Amino acid sequence: MHTELIPPARLAGRPRDRHGRLVPWFVAHINGEPDHRVVRQAGVEDAARFNHCFLCGARLGVYVTFVLGPMCTINRVSAEPPSHRYCAEYAARACPFLTHPQMRRRDSGLPEEAAEPDGIMCRRNPGVIAVWTTRAWHMEPDARLFSVGDPTEVTWWREGRPATYDEAFDGLESGRALLEEEADQDAMPSRAHSKLARQYENALLHLPGSRS
């Protein structure tokens, strides 16, 4: 029996688009219509400056939650600001891109002024997503990127349900492969690979459950 996913109260009050989908706080409006692919101008900076949830727009508390792809659980870097835990979990369970691993990013029709996020842009659909709650985070001073601290809780999701260890591990492996390529291009590749190895071992500690 299908059970409708009910958004948390803070998100439930957000406006909806013509398809009935909730419009998160960060979404830009193009020609009067919300485009869920585009972050509104200064949306990232406003969220960090005013400590607002990236999804509902309400003020955050001491604990914040990031929606991270597997690669980002290794390098602890996010291109998106944090959200409330329940807002982030709802996004992980309801966002079409996050809940359909076969879905690809649609770039057609984007406004000319739309820019890629800072950092390493991973265009693939990671298949699994981590909802990472922490007290420690900050925005990097020279880029629109966020450093993510040690978690107080991590949950993993795939297709709107909790992910298994093997699913999360496979996502982590594919994320590591991309970071290995980046380390190869570093001015000091040996040092970069050593750092990545330590980061990867730490990320393994936060996978769900145990290997089947």
C-alpha atoms as a PDB file:
ATOM      1  CA  MET A   1       0.000   0.000   0.000  1.00  0.00           C
ATOM      2  CA  HIS A   2       1.423   3.389  -1.013  1.00  0.00           C
ATOM      3  CA  THR A   3       1.720   5.901   1.818  1.00  0.00           C
ATOM      4  CA  GLU A   4       1.967   9.562   0.868  1.00  0.00           C
ATOM      5  CA  LEU A   5       5.102  11.221   2.157  1.00  0.00           C
ATOM      6  CA  ILE A   6       4.081  14.115   4.381  1.00  0.00           C
ATOM      7  CA  PRO A   7       6.501  17.085   4.460  1.00  0.00           C
ATOM      8  CA  PRO A   8       7.618  18.502   7.825  1.00  0.00           C
ATOM      9  CA  ALA A   9       5.670  21.513   9.060  1.00  0.00           C
ATOM     10  CA  ARG A  10       8.297  24.066   8.052  1.00  0.00           C
ATOM     11  CA  LEU A  11       8.325  22.804   4.464  1.00  0.00           C
ATOM     12  CA  ALA A  12       4.594  22.218   4.234  1.00  0.00           C
ATOM     13  CA  GLY A  13       4.004  25.974   4.320  1.00  0.00           C
ATOM     14  CA  ARG A  14       6.143  26.594   1.242  1.00  0.00           C
ATOM     15  CA  PRO A  15       4.379  27.512  -2.034  1.00  0.00           C
ATOM     16  CA  ARG A  16       3.851  24.859  -4.707  1.00  0.00           C
ATOM     17  CA  ASP A  17       4.533  24.982  -8.436  1.00  0.00           C
ATOM     18  CA  ARG A  18       1.974  24.245 -11.167  1.00  0.00           C
ATOM     19  CA  HIS A  19       2.753  20.534 -10.842  1.00  0.00           C
ATOM     20  CA  GLY A  20       1.913  20.601  -7.133  1.00  0.00           C
ATOM     21  CA  ARG A  21       5.517  20.218  -6.011  1.00  0.00           C
ATOM     22  CA  LEU A  22       6.840  22.116  -3.004  1.00  0.00           C
ATOM     23  CA  VAL A  23       9.129  24.990  -3.980  1.00  0.00           C
ATOM     24  CA  PRO A  24      12.162  25.106  -1.645  1.00  0.00           C
ATOM     25  CA  TRP A  25      13.433  28.442  -0.345  1.00  0.00           C
ATOM     26  CA  PHE A  26      16.564  28.378  -2.525  1.00  0.00           C
ATOM     27  CA  VAL A  27      14.775  27.945  -5.870  1.00  0.00           C
ATOM     28  CA  ALA A  28      15.101  30.684  -8.489  1.00  0.00           C
ATOM     29  CA  HIS A  29      12.141  31.913 -10.534  1.00  0.00           C
ATOM     30  CA  ILE A  30      12.705  32.087 -14.294  1.00  0.00           C
ATOM     31  CA  ASN A  31      10.109  34.037 -16.288  1.00  0.00           C
ATOM     32  CA  GLY A  32       7.829  33.932 -13.287  1.00  0.00           C
ATOM     33  CA  GLU A  33       8.058  30.154 -12.808  1.00  0.00           C
ATOM     34  CA  PRO A  34      10.182  28.305 -10.222  1.00  0.00           C
ATOM     35  CA  ASP A  35      13.052  26.301 -11.746  1.00  0.00           C
ATOM     36  CA  HIS A  36      14.131  23.668  -9.220  1.00  0.00           C
ATOM     37  CA  ARG A  37      17.496  23.259 -11.016  1.00  0.00           C
ATOM     38  CA  VAL A  38      18.577  26.841 -10.312  1.00  0.00           C
ATOM     39  CA  VAL A  39      19.539  28.471  -7.013  1.00  0.00           C
ATOM     40  CA  ARG A  40      18.240  32.034  -6.724  1.00  0.00           C
ATOM     41  CA  GLN A  41      20.732  34.873  -6.806  1.00  0.00           C
ATOM     42  CA  ALA A  42      22.598  35.160  -3.481  1.00  0.00           C
ATOM     43  CA  GLY A  43      20.649  32.142  -2.179  1.00  0.00           C
ATOM     44  CA  VAL A  44      23.777  30.348  -0.953  1.00  0.00           C
ATOM     45  CA  GLU A  45      25.262  33.479   0.610  1.00  0.00           C
ATOM     46  CA  ASP A  46      21.969  34.455   2.278  1.00  0.00           C
ATOM     47  CA  ALA A  47      21.554  30.993   3.799  1.00  0.00           C
ATOM     48  CA  ALA A  48      25.043  31.108   5.315  1.00  0.00           C
ATOM     49  CA  ARG A  49      24.910  34.743   6.405  1.00  0.00           C
ATOM     50  CA  PHE A  50      21.504  34.576   8.086  1.00  0.00           C
ATOM     51  CA  ASN A  51      21.746  30.933   9.213  1.00  0.00           C
ATOM     52  CA  HIS A  52      18.645  29.952   7.254  1.00  0.00           C
ATOM     53  CA  CYS A  53      17.612  26.448   6.233  1.00  0.00           C
ATOM     54  CA  PHE A  54      18.389  26.051   2.527  1.00  0.00           C
ATOM     55  CA  LEU A  55      15.089  24.211   1.998  1.00  0.00           C
ATOM     56  CA  CYS A  56      12.450  25.922   4.132  1.00  0.00           C
ATOM     57  CA  GLY A  57      14.126  29.286   4.828  1.00  0.00           C
ATOM     58  CA  ALA A  58      13.521  29.253   8.604  1.00  0.00           C
ATOM     59  CA  ARG A  59      16.367  29.868  11.035  1.00  0.00           C
ATOM     60  CA  LEU A  60      18.619  26.943  11.941  1.00  0.00           C
ATOM     61  CA  GLY A  61      19.559  25.821  15.425  1.00  0.00           C
ATOM     62  CA  VAL A  62      22.777  24.423  16.870  1.00  0.00           C
ATOM     63  CA  TYR A  63      22.507  21.179  14.901  1.00  0.00           C
ATOM     64  CA  VAL A  64      22.337  21.405  11.114  1.00  0.00           C
ATOM     65  CA  THR A  65      22.015  18.778   8.398  1.00  0.00           C
ATOM     66  CA  PHE A  66      23.644  18.478   4.989  1.00  0.00           C
ATOM     67  CA  VAL A  67      22.371  16.380   2.100  1.00  0.00           C
ATOM     68  CA  LEU A  68      25.598  14.833   0.785  1.00  0.00           C
ATOM     69  CA  GLY A  69      26.501  12.604  -2.107  1.00  0.00           C
ATOM     70  CA  PRO A  70      28.924   9.783  -1.279  1.00  0.00           C
ATOM     71  CA  MET A  71      31.916  11.738  -2.573  1.00  0.00           C
ATOM     72  CA  CYS A  72      31.151  14.588  -0.183  1.00  0.00           C
ATOM     73  CA  THR A  73      31.111  12.243   2.820  1.00  0.00           C
ATOM     74  CA  ILE A  74      34.762  11.554   1.984  1.00  0.00           C
ATOM     75  CA  ASN A  75      36.123  15.052   1.436  1.00  0.00           C
ATOM     76  CA  ARG A  76      33.609  16.695   3.834  1.00  0.00           C
ATOM     77  CA  VAL A  77      32.800  19.457   1.343  1.00  0.00           C
ATOM     78  CA  SER A  78      29.335  20.566   0.252  1.00  0.00           C
ATOM     79  CA  ALA A  79      28.327  23.083  -2.406  1.00  0.00           C
ATOM     80  CA  GLU A  80      24.974  23.549  -0.666  1.00  0.00           C
ATOM     81  CA  PRO A  81      24.311  25.132   2.744  1.00  0.00           C
ATOM     82  CA  PRO A  82      22.775  23.059   5.529  1.00  0.00           C
ATOM     83  CA  SER A  83      19.119  22.549   6.388  1.00  0.00           C
ATOM     84  CA  HIS A  84      16.991  21.326   9.275  1.00  0.00           C
ATOM     85  CA  ARG A  85      17.266  17.569   9.756  1.00  0.00           C
ATOM     86  CA  TYR A  86      13.635  16.843   8.901  1.00  0.00           C
ATOM     87  CA  CYS A  87      13.729  19.117   5.858  1.00  0.00           C
ATOM     88  CA  ALA A  88      16.875  17.368   4.622  1.00  0.00           C
ATOM     89  CA  GLU A  89      15.425  13.916   5.222  1.00  0.00           C
ATOM     90  CA  TYR A  90      12.268  14.851   3.358  1.00  0.00           C
ATOM     91  CA  ALA A  91      14.378  16.042   0.407  1.00  0.00           C
ATOM     92  CA  ALA A  92      16.327  12.767   0.403  1.00  0.00           C
ATOM     93  CA  ARG A  93      13.047  10.837   0.308  1.00  0.00           C
ATOM     94  CA  ALA A  94      11.025  13.065  -2.038  1.00  0.00           C
ATOM     95  CA  CYS A  95      13.340  14.834  -4.520  1.00  0.00           C
ATOM     96  CA  PRO A  96      12.906  13.166  -7.950  1.00  0.00           C
ATOM     97  CA  PHE A  97      16.619  13.382  -8.754  1.00  0.00           C
ATOM     98  CA  LEU A  98      17.614  11.818  -5.436  1.00  0.00           C
ATOM     99  CA  THR A  99      14.959   9.093  -5.462  1.00  0.00           C
ATOM    100  CA  HIS A 100      15.428   7.909  -9.078  1.00  0.00           C
ATOM    101  CA  PRO A 101      19.030   6.716  -9.601  1.00  0.00           C
ATOM    102  CA  GLN A 102      18.482   6.460 -13.349  1.00  0.00           C
ATOM    103  CA  MET A 103      17.578  10.150 -13.618  1.00  0.00           C
ATOM    104  CA  ARG A 104      20.122  12.496 -15.197  1.00  0.00           C
ATOM    105  CA  ARG A 105      20.604  16.239 -14.818  1.00  0.00           C
ATOM    106  CA  ARG A 106      18.703  18.304 -17.393  1.00  0.00           C
ATOM    107  CA  ASP A 107      20.724  21.270 -18.636  1.00  0.00           C
ATOM    108  CA  SER A 108      18.537  22.355 -21.542  1.00  0.00           C
ATOM    109  CA  GLY A 109      16.684  25.621 -21.061  1.00  0.00           C
ATOM    110  CA  LEU A 110      18.898  26.887 -18.251  1.00  0.00           C
ATOM    111  CA  PRO A 111      19.317  30.688 -18.181  1.00  0.00           C
ATOM    112  CA  GLU A 112      22.546  31.991 -19.696  1.00  0.00           C
ATOM    113  CA  GLU A 113      23.650  33.493 -16.375  1.00  0.00           C
ATOM    114  CA  ALA A 114      23.348  30.155 -14.551  1.00  0.00           C
ATOM    115  CA  ALA A 115      26.770  29.146 -13.189  1.00  0.00           C
ATOM    116  CA  GLU A 116      28.188  25.863 -11.970  1.00  0.00           C
ATOM    117  CA  PRO A 117      28.723  25.566  -8.203  1.00  0.00           C
ATOM    118  CA  ASP A 118      32.225  25.955  -6.823  1.00  0.00           C
ATOM    119  CA  GLY A 119      34.350  22.896  -6.173  1.00  0.00           C
ATOM    120  CA  ILE A 120      34.322  19.527  -7.964  1.00  0.00           C
ATOM    121  CA  MET A 121      31.009  19.270  -9.806  1.00  0.00           C
ATOM    122  CA  CYS A 122      29.798  15.672  -9.934  1.00  0.00           C
ATOM    123  CA  ARG A 123      27.218  15.480 -12.726  1.00  0.00           C
ATOM    124  CA  ARG A 124      26.325  11.832 -12.207  1.00  0.00           C
ATOM    125  CA  ASN A 125      23.402  10.660 -10.120  1.00  0.00           C
ATOM    126  CA  PRO A 126      25.094   9.045  -7.100  1.00  0.00           C
ATOM    127  CA  GLY A 127      22.201   6.617  -6.505  1.00  0.00           C
ATOM    128  CA  VAL A 128      22.489   7.001  -2.722  1.00  0.00           C
ATOM    129  CA  ILE A 129      22.513  10.067  -0.509  1.00  0.00           C
ATOM    130  CA  ALA A 130      23.656  10.747   3.051  1.00  0.00           C
ATOM    131  CA  VAL A 131      21.702  12.921   5.468  1.00  0.00           C
ATOM    132  CA  TRP A 132      24.553  14.200   7.656  1.00  0.00           C
ATOM    133  CA  THR A 133      23.785  16.006  10.921  1.00  0.00           C
ATOM    134  CA  THR A 134      26.542  17.965  12.643  1.00  0.00           C
ATOM    135  CA  ARG A 135      27.273  20.893  14.934  1.00  0.00           C
ATOM    136  CA  ALA A 136      30.500  21.870  13.152  1.00  0.00           C
ATOM    137  CA  TRP A 137      30.463  23.610   9.783  1.00  0.00           C
ATOM    138  CA  HIS A 138      31.557  26.790   8.089  1.00  0.00           C
ATOM    139  CA  MET A 139      31.545  28.478   4.709  1.00  0.00           C
ATOM    140  CA  GLU A 140      34.952  28.714   3.084  1.00  0.00           C
ATOM    141  CA  PRO A 141      36.138  32.355   2.892  1.00  0.00           C
ATOM    142  CA  ASP A 142      37.307  32.168  -0.734  1.00  0.00           C
ATOM    143  CA  ALA A 143      34.589  29.963  -2.293  1.00  0.00           C
ATOM    144  CA  ARG A 144      30.905  29.152  -2.058  1.00  0.00           C
ATOM    145  CA  LEU A 145      31.686  25.830  -0.425  1.00  0.00           C
ATOM    146  CA  PHE A 146      30.962  24.458   3.034  1.00  0.00           C
ATOM    147  CA  SER A 147      33.272  22.435   5.240  1.00  0.00           C
ATOM    148  CA  VAL A 148      31.315  19.763   7.082  1.00  0.00           C
ATOM    149  CA  GLY A 149      32.391  18.582  10.528  1.00  0.00           C
ATOM    150  CA  ASP A 150      32.129  15.228  12.284  1.00  0.00           C
ATOM    151  CA  PRO A 151      28.541  13.962  12.365  1.00  0.00           C
ATOM    152  CA  THR A 152      26.296  13.369  15.340  1.00  0.00           C
ATOM    153  CA  GLU A 153      24.102  11.209  13.097  1.00  0.00           C
ATOM    154  CA  VAL A 154      24.194   9.931   9.502  1.00  0.00           C
ATOM    155  CA  THR A 155      21.407   8.180   7.634  1.00  0.00           C
ATOM    156  CA  TRP A 156      21.658   6.863   4.067  1.00  0.00           C
ATOM    157  CA  TRP A 157      18.853   6.821   1.488  1.00  0.00           C
ATOM    158  CA  ARG A 158      18.160   5.250  -1.895  1.00  0.00           C
ATOM    159  CA  GLU A 159      14.950   5.502  -3.915  1.00  0.00           C
ATOM    160  CA  GLY A 160      13.217   7.141  -0.960  1.00  0.00           C
ATOM    161  CA  ARG A 161      13.997   4.313   1.495  1.00  0.00           C
ATOM    162  CA  PRO A 162      16.890   3.608   3.873  1.00  0.00           C
ATOM    163  CA  ALA A 163      19.926   2.403   1.903  1.00  0.00           C
ATOM    164  CA  THR A 164      21.704  -0.833   2.712  1.00  0.00           C
ATOM    165  CA  TYR A 165      25.371  -1.022   3.620  1.00  0.00           C
ATOM    166  CA  ASP A 166      26.249  -2.460   0.213  1.00  0.00           C
ATOM    167  CA  GLU A 167      24.377   0.295  -1.646  1.00  0.00           C
ATOM    168  CA  ALA A 168      26.082   3.019   0.393  1.00  0.00           C
ATOM    169  CA  PHE A 169      29.475   1.311   0.027  1.00  0.00           C
ATOM    170  CA  ASP A 170      29.122   1.100  -3.766  1.00  0.00           C
ATOM    171  CA  GLY A 171      28.289   4.827  -3.843  1.00  0.00           C
ATOM    172  CA  LEU A 172      31.296   5.576  -1.675  1.00  0.00           C
ATOM    173  CA  GLU A 173      33.572   3.579  -3.995  1.00  0.00           C
ATOM    174  CA  SER A 174      32.400   5.474  -7.070  1.00  0.00           C
ATOM    175  CA  GLY A 175      32.905   8.768  -5.229  1.00  0.00           C
ATOM    176  CA  ARG A 176      36.417   7.766  -4.236  1.00  0.00           C
ATOM    177  CA  ALA A 177      37.258   7.020  -7.873  1.00  0.00           C
ATOM    178  CA  LEU A 178      36.428  10.607  -8.820  1.00  0.00           C
ATOM    179  CA  LEU A 179      38.531  11.970  -5.968  1.00  0.00           C
ATOM    180  CA  GLU A 180      41.432   9.701  -6.971  1.00  0.00           C
ATOM    181  CA  GLU A 181      41.405  11.340 -10.407  1.00  0.00           C
ATOM    182  CA  GLU A 182      41.463  14.756  -8.744  1.00  0.00           C
ATOM    183  CA  ALA A 183      44.380  13.712  -6.512  1.00  0.00           C
ATOM    184  CA  ASP A 184      46.320  12.641  -9.610  1.00  0.00           C
ATOM    185  CA  GLN A 185      46.193  16.251 -10.813  1.00  0.00           C
ATOM    186  CA  ASP A 186      47.407  17.717  -7.518  1.00  0.00           C
ATOM    187  CA  ALA A 187      50.751  19.523  -7.406  1.00  0.00           C
ATOM    188  CA  MET A 188      51.818  16.928  -4.812  1.00  0.00           C
ATOM    189  CA  PRO A 189      49.910  13.766  -5.798  1.00  0.00           C
ATOM    190  CA  SER A 190      51.504  11.513  -3.191  1.00  0.00           C
ATOM    191  CA  ARG A 191      50.421  13.793  -0.359  1.00  0.00           C
ATOM    192  CA  ALA A 192      46.946  14.198  -1.915  1.00  0.00           C
ATOM    193  CA  HIS A 193      46.467  10.432  -2.180  1.00  0.00           C
ATOM    194  CA  SER A 194      47.604   9.912   1.428  1.00  0.00           C
ATOM    195  CA  LYS A 195      45.097  12.493   2.630  1.00  0.00           C
ATOM    196  CA  LEU A 196      42.351  10.916   0.528  1.00  0.00           C
ATOM    197  CA  ALA A 197      43.112   7.472   1.974  1.00  0.00           C
ATOM    198  CA  ARG A 198      42.634   8.834   5.513  1.00  0.00           C
ATOM    199  CA  GLN A 199      39.412  10.587   4.530  1.00  0.00           C
ATOM    200  CA  TYR A 200      38.081   7.423   2.902  1.00  0.00           C
ATOM    201  CA  GLU A 201      38.795   5.274   5.963  1.00  0.00           C
ATOM    202  CA  ASN A 202      36.949   7.811   8.112  1.00  0.00           C
ATOM    203  CA  ALA A 203      33.965   7.845   5.730  1.00  0.00           C
ATOM    204  CA  LEU A 204      33.678   4.050   5.995  1.00  0.00           C
ATOM    205  CA  LEU A 205      32.867   4.479   9.699  1.00  0.00           C
ATOM    206  CA  HIS A 206      29.622   6.248   8.822  1.00  0.00           C
ATOM    207  CA  LEU A 207      28.079   3.674   6.478  1.00  0.00           C
ATOM    208  CA  PRO A 208      24.758   2.164   7.590  1.00  0.00           C
ATOM    209  CA  GLY A 209      24.536  -1.255   9.241  1.00  0.00           C
ATOM    210  CA  SER A 210      27.039  -3.869   8.145  1.00  0.00           C
ATOM    211  CA  ARG A 211      28.113  -5.607   4.957  1.00  0.00           C
ATOM    212  CA  SER A 212      25.791  -8.409   3.831  1.00  0.00           C
END
